[in-house]
Protein backbone atom coordinates (compact mmCIF):
# COMPACT_ATOMS: atom_id res chain seq x y z
CA MET A 1 -25.45 76.70 157.24
CA THR A 2 -21.97 77.35 157.40
CA LYS A 3 -19.70 75.55 159.58
CA LYS A 4 -17.63 76.67 161.87
CA THR A 5 -14.04 76.12 162.26
CA THR A 6 -13.13 75.25 165.27
CA SER A 7 -9.54 74.55 167.21
CA SER A 8 -9.68 70.80 166.58
CA THR A 9 -9.95 71.30 163.24
CA LYS A 10 -6.83 69.74 161.92
CA LYS A 11 -4.14 71.94 160.54
CA LYS A 12 -1.81 70.63 157.91
CA LYS A 13 1.46 70.23 159.51
CA GLN A 14 5.00 71.74 158.44
CA PRO A 15 7.65 69.48 158.67
CA SER A 16 9.92 69.99 161.52
CA LYS A 17 13.29 71.36 161.19
CA GLN A 18 14.20 68.00 162.60
CA SER A 19 12.89 65.98 160.60
CA LYS A 20 13.95 68.24 157.65
CA ASP A 21 17.52 66.75 159.33
CA ASP A 22 16.78 63.61 159.61
CA ILE A 23 15.67 63.28 156.37
CA GLU A 24 18.32 64.48 154.69
CA LYS A 25 20.32 62.41 156.35
CA LEU A 26 19.10 59.54 155.37
CA GLU A 27 18.97 60.45 151.07
CA ARG A 28 22.75 61.31 152.31
CA THR A 29 22.87 57.65 153.92
CA ILE A 30 21.23 55.97 150.71
CA GLN A 31 23.76 58.12 148.43
CA GLU A 32 26.55 56.94 150.37
CA LEU A 33 24.95 53.50 150.52
CA THR A 34 23.89 53.70 146.75
CA GLN A 35 27.68 54.86 146.00
CA GLN A 36 29.07 51.87 148.16
CA LEU A 37 27.25 49.05 146.41
CA THR A 38 28.13 50.55 142.73
CA ASP A 39 31.48 50.86 143.83
CA THR A 40 31.78 47.02 145.47
CA GLU A 41 29.73 45.53 142.61
CA ALA A 42 32.53 47.44 140.10
CA GLU A 43 35.31 45.92 142.75
CA LEU A 44 33.47 42.54 142.27
CA LYS A 45 33.71 42.56 138.40
CA GLU A 46 37.39 43.41 138.31
CA THR A 47 38.04 40.31 140.68
CA LYS A 48 35.33 38.18 138.92
CA ASP A 49 37.67 39.65 135.23
CA LYS A 50 40.76 38.97 137.33
CA LEU A 51 39.56 35.20 138.56
CA LEU A 52 39.29 34.39 134.55
CA ARG A 53 41.88 35.51 133.42
CA SER A 54 44.60 33.61 136.20
CA TYR A 55 42.02 30.63 135.16
CA ALA A 56 42.57 31.33 131.46
CA ASP A 57 46.15 31.39 132.18
CA TYR A 58 46.29 28.24 134.06
CA GLN A 59 44.66 25.95 131.79
CA ASN A 60 47.14 27.52 128.94
CA TYR A 61 50.25 26.99 131.97
CA GLN A 62 48.84 23.15 131.95
CA LYS A 63 48.66 22.32 128.20
CA ARG A 64 51.90 23.58 127.64
CA VAL A 65 53.10 21.74 130.50
CA GLU A 66 51.42 18.91 129.23
CA LYS A 67 52.90 19.39 125.47
CA ASN A 68 56.72 19.71 127.13
CA ASN A 69 56.39 16.63 129.07
CA LYS A 70 54.91 15.09 125.29
CA GLN A 71 58.20 16.41 124.03
CA ILE A 72 60.48 15.15 126.56
CA GLU A 73 59.12 11.58 126.75
CA LYS A 74 59.45 12.24 123.01
CA GLU A 75 63.06 12.99 123.51
CA ILE A 76 63.64 10.19 125.83
CA LYS A 77 62.40 7.55 123.72
CA GLN A 78 64.52 8.37 120.77
CA ILE A 79 67.35 8.42 122.62
CA TYR A 80 66.65 4.66 124.49
CA LEU A 81 65.11 3.43 121.41
CA SER A 82 68.28 4.13 119.21
CA GLU A 83 70.31 2.61 121.92
CA PHE A 84 67.98 -0.57 121.69
CA ILE A 85 68.71 -0.50 117.80
CA ASP A 86 72.03 -0.81 118.06
CA ILE A 87 71.66 -3.32 120.08
CA LYS A 88 69.10 -5.08 117.11
CA GLU A 89 71.80 -4.32 114.63
CA LEU A 90 74.43 -6.06 117.23
CA LEU A 91 72.09 -9.31 117.40
CA LEU A 92 71.36 -9.03 113.26
CA GLN A 93 75.13 -9.46 113.22
CA ALA A 94 76.11 -12.11 115.58
CA MET A 95 73.17 -14.16 113.82
CA ASN A 96 75.05 -14.22 110.45
CA ASP A 97 78.32 -14.61 112.39
CA GLU A 98 80.57 -17.56 112.56
CA ASN A 99 80.97 -17.38 115.84
CA PRO A 100 78.04 -16.10 117.68
CA LYS A 101 79.35 -15.88 120.63
CA GLU A 102 81.16 -13.32 120.03
CA GLY A 103 78.36 -11.43 118.99
CA LEU A 104 76.55 -12.14 122.55
CA ARG A 105 79.78 -10.95 123.92
CA LEU A 106 79.52 -7.36 121.79
CA ILE A 107 76.08 -7.13 123.17
CA LEU A 108 76.41 -7.38 126.44
CA LYS A 109 79.14 -5.37 126.22
CA GLN A 110 77.07 -2.57 124.43
CA LEU A 111 74.06 -3.36 127.19
CA GLU A 112 76.71 -3.23 130.44
CA HIS A 113 78.09 0.52 128.77
CA PHE A 114 74.40 1.68 128.64
CA PHE A 115 73.33 0.28 131.99
CA ASN A 116 76.54 2.50 133.22
CA GLU A 117 75.81 5.33 131.57
CA GLU A 118 72.11 5.37 132.84
CA HIS A 119 73.74 4.60 136.65
CA ILE A 120 71.71 0.78 136.31
CA SER A 121 73.25 -1.46 138.83
CA TYR A 122 72.74 -4.69 139.94
CA ILE A 123 71.02 -5.80 143.35
CA GLU A 124 73.22 -7.81 145.44
CA CYS A 125 71.24 -10.17 146.99
CA ILE A 126 72.39 -13.62 147.84
CA GLY A 127 74.00 -13.91 151.72
CA LYS A 128 71.77 -10.80 152.60
CA PRO A 129 69.04 -10.35 154.79
CA PHE A 130 65.74 -10.24 152.96
CA ASP A 131 64.70 -6.61 152.03
CA HIS A 132 61.09 -6.36 150.83
CA CYS A 133 62.13 -3.01 149.36
CA LEU A 134 64.99 -4.78 147.39
CA HIS A 135 63.59 -8.49 147.30
CA HIS A 136 60.61 -10.02 146.19
CA ALA A 137 60.36 -13.53 147.73
CA VAL A 138 58.89 -16.43 145.56
CA THR A 139 59.53 -18.74 148.14
CA THR A 140 60.93 -19.73 151.14
CA ILE A 141 62.73 -23.04 152.69
CA GLU A 142 63.33 -24.14 156.12
CA GLN A 143 67.47 -24.29 157.04
CA ASP A 144 69.36 -24.76 160.00
CA ASP A 145 72.60 -23.69 158.50
CA CYS A 146 72.07 -19.80 157.62
CA GLU A 147 70.43 -16.95 159.56
CA ASP A 148 66.86 -16.29 159.62
CA ASN A 149 65.31 -14.23 157.08
CA THR A 150 68.35 -14.34 154.62
CA VAL A 151 68.27 -14.48 150.65
CA ILE A 152 69.85 -18.28 149.90
CA GLU A 153 69.32 -18.44 146.25
CA GLU A 154 68.52 -15.29 143.34
CA ILE A 155 65.69 -16.79 140.56
CA LYS A 156 66.19 -13.13 138.89
CA LYS A 157 68.03 -10.35 138.81
CA GLY A 158 67.04 -7.17 140.57
CA TYR A 159 68.14 -4.10 139.30
CA MET A 160 68.48 0.18 140.38
CA ILE A 161 68.40 3.25 138.31
CA ASP A 162 70.99 5.19 141.39
CA ASP A 163 68.64 4.63 144.51
CA MET A 164 65.21 3.64 142.80
CA VAL A 165 64.20 -0.02 142.44
CA LEU A 166 63.84 -0.60 138.74
CA ARG A 167 62.82 -4.56 139.61
CA PRO A 168 63.03 -6.22 142.78
CA SER A 169 65.04 -9.39 142.74
CA HIS A 170 62.92 -12.73 143.09
CA VAL A 171 64.80 -14.49 145.11
CA VAL A 172 64.34 -17.74 147.58
CA VAL A 173 64.43 -16.53 151.16
CA ALA A 174 65.75 -19.33 154.75
CA LYS A 175 63.63 -19.63 157.38
CA LYS A 176 65.14 -20.93 160.73
CA LYS A 177 63.88 -24.45 161.50
CA GLU A 178 61.63 -24.73 164.47
CA SER A 179 63.17 -27.17 167.16
């Protein structure tokens, strides 16, 4: 028996012109996206490389700064310690001197010279209002004959270098007696 072919038999479909255009368009889009992805990956790699180089440069910079700071610290120590060596020599001379007071005067003169060169100054405090930035109150005493919060006694001298406090003055502060 032979089979009859009917119109209901499926025919092989040929892609239409529109679907061919769609396929070509999709293939072009895929190529463009693939190229964009490749370009982006290359850009990312380049950026990552720049970042790593910058980080390495920063680490090298930190090491140079640290080394430089240590060198500066050494030089500063050398300058200050040489001053103290001079003072030690003067102390040794004073110990062997018949008149040690003269040796002590020389030492004080040397220290005063050093302080002047380094802009180290004494903090004047007696009779001045208490200032917590310049003074350290050791105790307070109630008194009638002076203003409240006035420094009346200095226990330990305070010093400044330019406008920075090296050591605050240790002081006794007056408080008004409560009536």
